[in-house]
PDB file of N, CA and C in Angstrom:
ATOM      1  N   UNK A   1      26.524 -16.981   7.530  1.00  0.00           N
ATOM      2  CA  UNK A   1      25.151 -16.714   7.896  1.00  0.00           C
ATOM      3  C   UNK A   1      24.238 -17.506   6.957  1.00  0.00           C
ATOM      4  N   UNK A   2      23.215 -18.155   7.485  1.00  0.00           N
ATOM      5  CA  UNK A   2      22.292 -18.919   6.642  1.00  0.00           C
ATOM      6  C   UNK A   2      21.550 -18.019   5.658  1.00  0.00           C
ATOM      7  N   UNK A   3      21.152 -18.594   4.553  1.00  0.00           N
ATOM      8  CA  UNK A   3      20.407 -17.857   3.540  1.00  0.00           C
ATOM      9  C   UNK A   3      19.039 -18.485   3.383  1.00  0.00           C
ATOM     10  N   UNK A   4      18.107 -17.692   2.863  1.00  0.00           N
ATOM     11  CA  UNK A   4      16.753 -18.172   2.644  1.00  0.00           C
ATOM     12  C   UNK A   4      16.290 -17.675   1.275  1.00  0.00           C
ATOM     13  N   UNK A   5      15.522 -18.482   0.591  1.00  0.00           N
ATOM     14  CA  UNK A   5      14.952 -18.077  -0.691  1.00  0.00           C
ATOM     15  C   UNK A   5      13.467 -17.811  -0.506  1.00  0.00           C
ATOM     16  N   UNK A   6      12.980 -16.753  -1.117  1.00  0.00           N
ATOM     17  CA  UNK A   6      11.566 -16.412  -1.034  1.00  0.00           C
ATOM     18  C   UNK A   6      10.975 -16.357  -2.425  1.00  0.00           C
ATOM     19  N   UNK A   7       9.768 -16.822  -2.556  1.00  0.00           N
ATOM     20  CA  UNK A   7       9.020 -16.682  -3.796  1.00  0.00           C
ATOM     21  C   UNK A   7       7.932 -15.660  -3.519  1.00  0.00           C
ATOM     22  N   UNK A   8       7.963 -14.577  -4.277  1.00  0.00           N
ATOM     23  CA  UNK A   8       7.055 -13.471  -4.008  1.00  0.00           C
ATOM     24  C   UNK A   8       6.594 -12.867  -5.326  1.00  0.00           C
ATOM     25  N   UNK A   9       5.370 -12.369  -5.364  1.00  0.00           N
ATOM     26  CA  UNK A   9       4.855 -11.805  -6.605  1.00  0.00           C
ATOM     27  C   UNK A   9       5.520 -10.454  -6.900  1.00  0.00           C
ATOM     28  N   UNK A  10       5.480 -10.060  -8.169  1.00  0.00           N
ATOM     29  CA  UNK A  10       6.161  -8.833  -8.623  1.00  0.00           C
ATOM     30  C   UNK A  10       5.641  -7.580  -7.928  1.00  0.00           C
ATOM     31  N   UNK A  11       4.338  -7.499  -7.729  1.00  0.00           N
ATOM     32  CA  UNK A  11       3.737  -6.316  -7.107  1.00  0.00           C
ATOM     33  C   UNK A  11       4.283  -6.108  -5.694  1.00  0.00           C
ATOM     34  N   UNK A  12       4.341  -7.188  -4.929  1.00  0.00           N
ATOM     35  CA  UNK A  12       4.858  -7.103  -3.563  1.00  0.00           C
ATOM     36  C   UNK A  12       6.346  -6.786  -3.566  1.00  0.00           C
ATOM     37  N   UNK A  13       7.080  -7.385  -4.483  1.00  0.00           N
ATOM     38  CA  UNK A  13       8.511  -7.116  -4.586  1.00  0.00           C
ATOM     39  C   UNK A  13       8.761  -5.639  -4.850  1.00  0.00           C
ATOM     40  N   UNK A  14       7.994  -5.045  -5.739  1.00  0.00           N
ATOM     41  CA  UNK A  14       8.156  -3.616  -6.052  1.00  0.00           C
ATOM     42  C   UNK A  14       7.925  -2.768  -4.806  1.00  0.00           C
ATOM     43  N   UNK A  15       6.911  -3.122  -4.015  1.00  0.00           N
ATOM     44  CA  UNK A  15       6.638  -2.377  -2.782  1.00  0.00           C
ATOM     45  C   UNK A  15       7.807  -2.499  -1.803  1.00  0.00           C
ATOM     46  N   UNK A  16       8.344  -3.706  -1.685  1.00  0.00           N
ATOM     47  CA  UNK A  16       9.483  -3.922  -0.787  1.00  0.00           C
ATOM     48  C   UNK A  16      10.688  -3.110  -1.262  1.00  0.00           C
ATOM     49  N   UNK A  17      10.924  -3.095  -2.556  1.00  0.00           N
ATOM     50  CA  UNK A  17      12.044  -2.325  -3.105  1.00  0.00           C
ATOM     51  C   UNK A  17      11.890  -0.835  -2.787  1.00  0.00           C
ATOM     52  N   UNK A  18      10.673  -0.321  -2.891  1.00  0.00           N
ATOM     53  CA  UNK A  18      10.438   1.099  -2.607  1.00  0.00           C
ATOM     54  C   UNK A  18      10.714   1.420  -1.148  1.00  0.00           C
ATOM     55  N   UNK A  19      10.116   0.651  -0.234  1.00  0.00           N
ATOM     56  CA  UNK A  19      10.295   0.971   1.179  1.00  0.00           C
ATOM     57  C   UNK A  19      11.728   0.720   1.646  1.00  0.00           C
ATOM     58  N   UNK A  20      12.380  -0.297   1.116  1.00  0.00           N
ATOM     59  CA  UNK A  20      13.777  -0.546   1.487  1.00  0.00           C
ATOM     60  C   UNK A  20      14.664   0.597   1.014  1.00  0.00           C
ATOM     61  N   UNK A  21      14.408   1.098  -0.179  1.00  0.00           N
ATOM     62  CA  UNK A  21      15.225   2.214  -0.683  1.00  0.00           C
ATOM     63  C   UNK A  21      14.945   3.486   0.121  1.00  0.00           C
ATOM     64  N   UNK A  22      13.700   3.690   0.553  1.00  0.00           N
ATOM     65  CA  UNK A  22      13.381   4.855   1.390  1.00  0.00           C
ATOM     66  C   UNK A  22      14.104   4.793   2.731  1.00  0.00           C
ATOM     67  N   UNK A  23      14.325   3.572   3.219  1.00  0.00           N
ATOM     68  CA  UNK A  23      15.034   3.386   4.483  1.00  0.00           C
ATOM     69  C   UNK A  23      16.547   3.237   4.280  1.00  0.00           C
ATOM     70  N   UNK A  24      16.968   3.307   3.012  1.00  0.00           N
ATOM     71  CA  UNK A  24      18.393   3.184   2.663  1.00  0.00           C
ATOM     72  C   UNK A  24      19.021   1.883   3.170  1.00  0.00           C
ATOM     73  N   UNK A  25      18.281   0.777   3.019  1.00  0.00           N
ATOM     74  CA  UNK A  25      18.822  -0.524   3.390  1.00  0.00           C
ATOM     75  C   UNK A  25      18.559  -1.515   2.257  1.00  0.00           C
ATOM     76  N   UNK A  26      19.271  -2.613   2.305  1.00  0.00           N
ATOM     77  CA  UNK A  26      19.104  -3.642   1.271  1.00  0.00           C
ATOM     78  C   UNK A  26      17.779  -4.370   1.447  1.00  0.00           C
ATOM     79  N   UNK A  27      17.362  -5.030   0.375  1.00  0.00           N
ATOM     80  CA  UNK A  27      16.143  -5.841   0.449  1.00  0.00           C
ATOM     81  C   UNK A  27      16.285  -6.915   1.520  1.00  0.00           C
ATOM     82  N   UNK A  28      17.444  -7.545   1.552  1.00  0.00           N
ATOM     83  CA  UNK A  28      17.700  -8.615   2.510  1.00  0.00           C
ATOM     84  C   UNK A  28      17.567  -8.109   3.947  1.00  0.00           C
ATOM     85  N   UNK A  29      18.161  -6.945   4.243  1.00  0.00           N
ATOM     86  CA  UNK A  29      18.074  -6.392   5.598  1.00  0.00           C
ATOM     87  C   UNK A  29      16.645  -5.999   5.935  1.00  0.00           C
ATOM     88  N   UNK A  30      15.927  -5.439   4.954  1.00  0.00           N
ATOM     89  CA  UNK A  30      14.544  -5.029   5.202  1.00  0.00           C
ATOM     90  C   UNK A  30      13.674  -6.239   5.533  1.00  0.00           C
ATOM     91  N   UNK A  31      13.756  -7.265   4.706  1.00  0.00           N
ATOM     92  CA  UNK A  31      12.957  -8.473   4.929  1.00  0.00           C
ATOM     93  C   UNK A  31      13.367  -9.138   6.244  1.00  0.00           C
ATOM     94  N   UNK A  32      14.670  -9.229   6.490  1.00  0.00           N
ATOM     95  CA  UNK A  32      15.156  -9.842   7.726  1.00  0.00           C
ATOM     96  C   UNK A  32      14.659  -9.109   8.964  1.00  0.00           C
ATOM     97  N   UNK A  33      14.659  -7.781   8.918  1.00  0.00           N
ATOM     98  CA  UNK A  33      14.196  -7.014  10.081  1.00  0.00           C
ATOM     99  C   UNK A  33      12.709  -7.207  10.305  1.00  0.00           C
ATOM    100  N   UNK A  34      11.929  -7.331   9.233  1.00  0.00           N
ATOM    101  CA  UNK A  34      10.481  -7.559   9.379  1.00  0.00           C
ATOM    102  C   UNK A  34      10.198  -8.951   9.939  1.00  0.00           C
ATOM    103  N   UNK A  35      10.988  -9.921   9.548  1.00  0.00           N
ATOM    104  CA  UNK A  35      10.815 -11.269  10.095  1.00  0.00           C
ATOM    105  C   UNK A  35      11.147 -11.264  11.588  1.00  0.00           C
ATOM    106  N   UNK A  36      12.244 -10.595  11.957  1.00  0.00           N
ATOM    107  CA  UNK A  36      12.617 -10.521  13.374  1.00  0.00           C
ATOM    108  C   UNK A  36      11.531  -9.833  14.185  1.00  0.00           C
ATOM    109  N   UNK A  37      10.981  -8.727  13.665  1.00  0.00           N
ATOM    110  CA  UNK A  37       9.907  -8.016  14.364  1.00  0.00           C
ATOM    111  C   UNK A  37       8.708  -8.929  14.592  1.00  0.00           C
ATOM    112  N   UNK A  38       8.379  -9.730  13.594  1.00  0.00           N
ATOM    113  CA  UNK A  38       7.231 -10.624  13.703  1.00  0.00           C
ATOM    114  C   UNK A  38       7.462 -11.718  14.743  1.00  0.00           C
ATOM    115  N   UNK A  39       8.697 -12.115  14.939  1.00  0.00           N
ATOM    116  CA  UNK A  39       9.006 -13.217  15.843  1.00  0.00           C
ATOM    117  C   UNK A  39       9.371 -12.766  17.255  1.00  0.00           C
ATOM    118  N   UNK A  40       9.842 -11.533  17.384  1.00  0.00           N
ATOM    119  CA  UNK A  40      10.252 -11.039  18.700  1.00  0.00           C
ATOM    120  C   UNK A  40       9.041 -10.758  19.573  1.00  0.00           C
ATOM    121  N   UNK A  41       9.209 -10.998  20.854  1.00  0.00           N
ATOM    122  CA  UNK A  41       8.195 -10.620  21.826  1.00  0.00           C
ATOM    123  C   UNK A  41       8.498  -9.176  22.210  1.00  0.00           C
ATOM    124  N   UNK A  42       7.688  -8.256  21.735  1.00  0.00           N
ATOM    125  CA  UNK A  42       7.966  -6.837  21.935  1.00  0.00           C
ATOM    126  C   UNK A  42       7.357  -6.264  23.217  1.00  0.00           C
ATOM    127  N   UNK A  43       6.786  -7.096  24.037  1.00  0.00           N
ATOM    128  CA  UNK A  43       6.153  -6.611  25.252  1.00  0.00           C
ATOM    129  C   UNK A  43       7.004  -6.975  26.463  1.00  0.00           C
ATOM    130  N   UNK A  44       7.045  -6.093  27.463  1.00  0.00           N
ATOM    131  CA  UNK A  44       7.822  -6.404  28.662  1.00  0.00           C
ATOM    132  C   UNK A  44       7.165  -7.538  29.450  1.00  0.00           C
ATOM    133  N   UNK A  45       7.938  -8.163  30.343  1.00  0.00           N
ATOM    134  CA  UNK A  45       7.383  -9.251  31.154  1.00  0.00           C
ATOM    135  C   UNK A  45       6.136  -8.795  31.919  1.00  0.00           C
ATOM    136  N   UNK A  46       5.143  -9.653  31.993  1.00  0.00           N
ATOM    137  CA  UNK A  46       3.885  -9.430  32.713  1.00  0.00           C
ATOM    138  C   UNK A  46       3.045  -8.287  32.140  1.00  0.00           C
ATOM    139  N   UNK A  47       3.339  -7.865  30.935  1.00  0.00           N
ATOM    140  CA  UNK A  47       2.598  -6.773  30.295  1.00  0.00           C
ATOM    141  C   UNK A  47       1.098  -7.077  30.244  1.00  0.00           C
ATOM    142  N   UNK A  48       0.742  -8.268  29.821  1.00  0.00           N
ATOM    143  CA  UNK A  48      -0.665  -8.610  29.654  1.00  0.00           C
ATOM    144  C   UNK A  48      -1.381  -8.807  30.992  1.00  0.00           C
ATOM    145  N   UNK A  49      -0.632  -8.984  32.052  1.00  0.00           N
ATOM    146  CA  UNK A  49      -1.245  -9.102  33.376  1.00  0.00           C
ATOM    147  C   UNK A  49      -1.743  -7.746  33.870  1.00  0.00           C
ATOM    148  N   UNK A  50      -1.300  -6.660  33.242  1.00  0.00           N
ATOM    149  CA  UNK A  50      -1.721  -5.323  33.648  1.00  0.00           C
ATOM    150  C   UNK A  50      -3.141  -4.988  33.206  1.00  0.00           C
ATOM    151  N   UNK A  51      -3.645  -5.694  32.205  1.00  0.00           N
ATOM    152  CA  UNK A  51      -4.973  -5.413  31.690  1.00  0.00           C
ATOM    153  C   UNK A  51      -6.009  -5.484  32.807  1.00  0.00           C
ATOM    154  N   UNK A  52      -6.764  -4.408  32.983  1.00  0.00           N
ATOM    155  CA  UNK A  52      -7.806  -4.368  34.001  1.00  0.00           C
ATOM    156  C   UNK A  52      -7.304  -4.090  35.400  1.00  0.00           C
ATOM    157  N   UNK A  53      -6.021  -3.780  35.555  1.00  0.00           N
ATOM    158  CA  UNK A  53      -5.472  -3.591  36.894  1.00  0.00           C
ATOM    159  C   UNK A  53      -5.722  -2.187  37.452  1.00  0.00           C
ATOM    160  N   UNK A  54      -6.103  -1.233  36.616  1.00  0.00           N
ATOM    161  CA  UNK A  54      -6.365   0.130  37.087  1.00  0.00           C
ATOM    162  C   UNK A  54      -7.830   0.233  37.480  1.00  0.00           C
ATOM    163  N   UNK A  55      -8.076   0.577  38.712  1.00  0.00           N
ATOM    164  CA  UNK A  55      -9.448   0.729  39.212  1.00  0.00           C
ATOM    165  C   UNK A  55      -9.757   2.228  39.271  1.00  0.00           C
ATOM    166  N   UNK A  56     -10.339   2.742  38.209  1.00  0.00           N
ATOM    167  CA  UNK A  56     -10.639   4.165  38.111  1.00  0.00           C
ATOM    168  C   UNK A  56     -11.932   4.318  37.319  1.00  0.00           C
ATOM    169  N   UNK A  57     -12.980   4.798  37.972  1.00  0.00           N
ATOM    170  CA  UNK A  57     -14.282   4.908  37.318  1.00  0.00           C
ATOM    171  C   UNK A  57     -14.313   5.960  36.220  1.00  0.00           C
ATOM    172  N   UNK A  58     -13.323   6.845  36.179  1.00  0.00           N
ATOM    173  CA  UNK A  58     -13.324   7.870  35.131  1.00  0.00           C
ATOM    174  C   UNK A  58     -12.841   7.318  33.800  1.00  0.00           C
ATOM    175  N   UNK A  59     -12.208   6.160  33.813  1.00  0.00           N
ATOM    176  CA  UNK A  59     -11.769   5.537  32.567  1.00  0.00           C
ATOM    177  C   UNK A  59     -12.932   4.774  31.960  1.00  0.00           C
ATOM    178  N   UNK A  60     -13.286   5.151  30.758  1.00  0.00           N
ATOM    179  CA  UNK A  60     -14.413   4.520  30.077  1.00  0.00           C
ATOM    180  C   UNK A  60     -13.937   3.906  28.773  1.00  0.00           C
ATOM    181  N   UNK A  61     -14.588   2.834  28.349  1.00  0.00           N
ATOM    182  CA  UNK A  61     -14.280   2.217  27.063  1.00  0.00           C
ATOM    183  C   UNK A  61     -14.756   3.162  25.963  1.00  0.00           C
ATOM    184  N   UNK A  62     -13.882   3.484  25.004  1.00  0.00           N
ATOM    185  CA  UNK A  62     -14.284   4.404  23.938  1.00  0.00           C
ATOM    186  C   UNK A  62     -15.299   3.755  22.995  1.00  0.00           C
ATOM    187  N   UNK A  63     -16.017   4.624  22.284  1.00  0.00           N
ATOM    188  CA  UNK A  63     -16.956   4.119  21.288  1.00  0.00           C
ATOM    189  C   UNK A  63     -16.180   3.387  20.207  1.00  0.00           C
ATOM    190  N   UNK A  64     -16.822   2.387  19.616  1.00  0.00           N
ATOM    191  CA  UNK A  64     -16.172   1.634  18.552  1.00  0.00           C
ATOM    192  C   UNK A  64     -16.055   2.502  17.306  1.00  0.00           C
ATOM    193  N   UNK A  65     -14.881   2.475  16.694  1.00  0.00           N
ATOM    194  CA  UNK A  65     -14.659   3.216  15.465  1.00  0.00           C
ATOM    195  C   UNK A  65     -14.877   2.285  14.284  1.00  0.00           C
ATOM    196  N   UNK A  66     -15.380   2.830  13.230  1.00  0.00           N
ATOM    197  CA  UNK A  66     -15.670   2.026  12.049  1.00  0.00           C
ATOM    198  C   UNK A  66     -14.728   2.407  10.914  1.00  0.00           C
ATOM    199  N   UNK A  67     -14.375   1.438  10.099  1.00  0.00           N
ATOM    200  CA  UNK A  67     -13.467   1.676   8.982  1.00  0.00           C
ATOM    201  C   UNK A  67     -13.987   2.726   8.021  1.00  0.00           C
ATOM    202  N   UNK A  68     -15.278   2.905   7.943  1.00  0.00           N
ATOM    203  CA  UNK A  68     -15.850   3.875   7.016  1.00  0.00           C
ATOM    204  C   UNK A  68     -15.425   5.302   7.341  1.00  0.00           C
ATOM    205  N   UNK A  69     -15.057   5.561   8.612  1.00  0.00           N
ATOM    206  CA  UNK A  69     -14.636   6.911   8.992  1.00  0.00           C
ATOM    207  C   UNK A  69     -13.109   7.074   8.888  1.00  0.00           C
ATOM    208  N   UNK A  70     -12.428   6.042   8.453  1.00  0.00           N
ATOM    209  CA  UNK A  70     -10.971   6.082   8.326  1.00  0.00           C
ATOM    210  C   UNK A  70     -10.583   6.803   7.041  1.00  0.00           C
ATOM    211  N   UNK A  71      -9.425   7.424   7.052  1.00  0.00           N
ATOM    212  CA  UNK A  71      -8.918   8.089   5.854  1.00  0.00           C
ATOM    213  C   UNK A  71      -8.440   7.050   4.847  1.00  0.00           C
ATOM    214  N   UNK A  72      -8.558   7.410   3.582  1.00  0.00           N
ATOM    215  CA  UNK A  72      -7.997   6.508   2.554  1.00  0.00           C
ATOM    216  C   UNK A  72      -6.484   6.597   2.630  1.00  0.00           C
ATOM    217  N   UNK A  73      -5.847   5.475   2.415  1.00  0.00           N
ATOM    218  CA  UNK A  73      -4.390   5.437   2.522  1.00  0.00           C
ATOM    219  C   UNK A  73      -3.785   5.199   1.166  1.00  0.00           C
ATOM    220  N   UNK A  74      -2.680   5.852   0.949  1.00  0.00           N
ATOM    221  CA  UNK A  74      -1.973   5.705  -0.316  1.00  0.00           C
ATOM    222  C   UNK A  74      -1.262   4.370  -0.344  1.00  0.00           C
ATOM    223  N   UNK A  75      -1.400   3.659  -1.448  1.00  0.00           N
ATOM    224  CA  UNK A  75      -0.683   2.397  -1.584  1.00  0.00           C
ATOM    225  C   UNK A  75       0.754   2.675  -1.951  1.00  0.00           C
ATOM    226  N   UNK A  76       1.643   1.836  -1.454  1.00  0.00           N
ATOM    227  CA  UNK A  76       3.074   1.995  -1.761  1.00  0.00           C
ATOM    228  C   UNK A  76       3.354   1.356  -3.087  1.00  0.00           C
TER     229      UNK A  76
END
């Protein structure tokens, strides 16, 4: 299997180590799975053609939400 080298800062590496250990997988598997997720097309065929296909007047566009009303998130 081919190998790849990554140069990454210590802070990011520590975060990756934490989440990989929480998932009980190696760093290599964690990084590899994230790369695959980023490259895979996760939508079924013609998914984007469905946009606007429902003709129903009861469906309304929701009000825009602003980041200021979002909860603070804990950093990993």
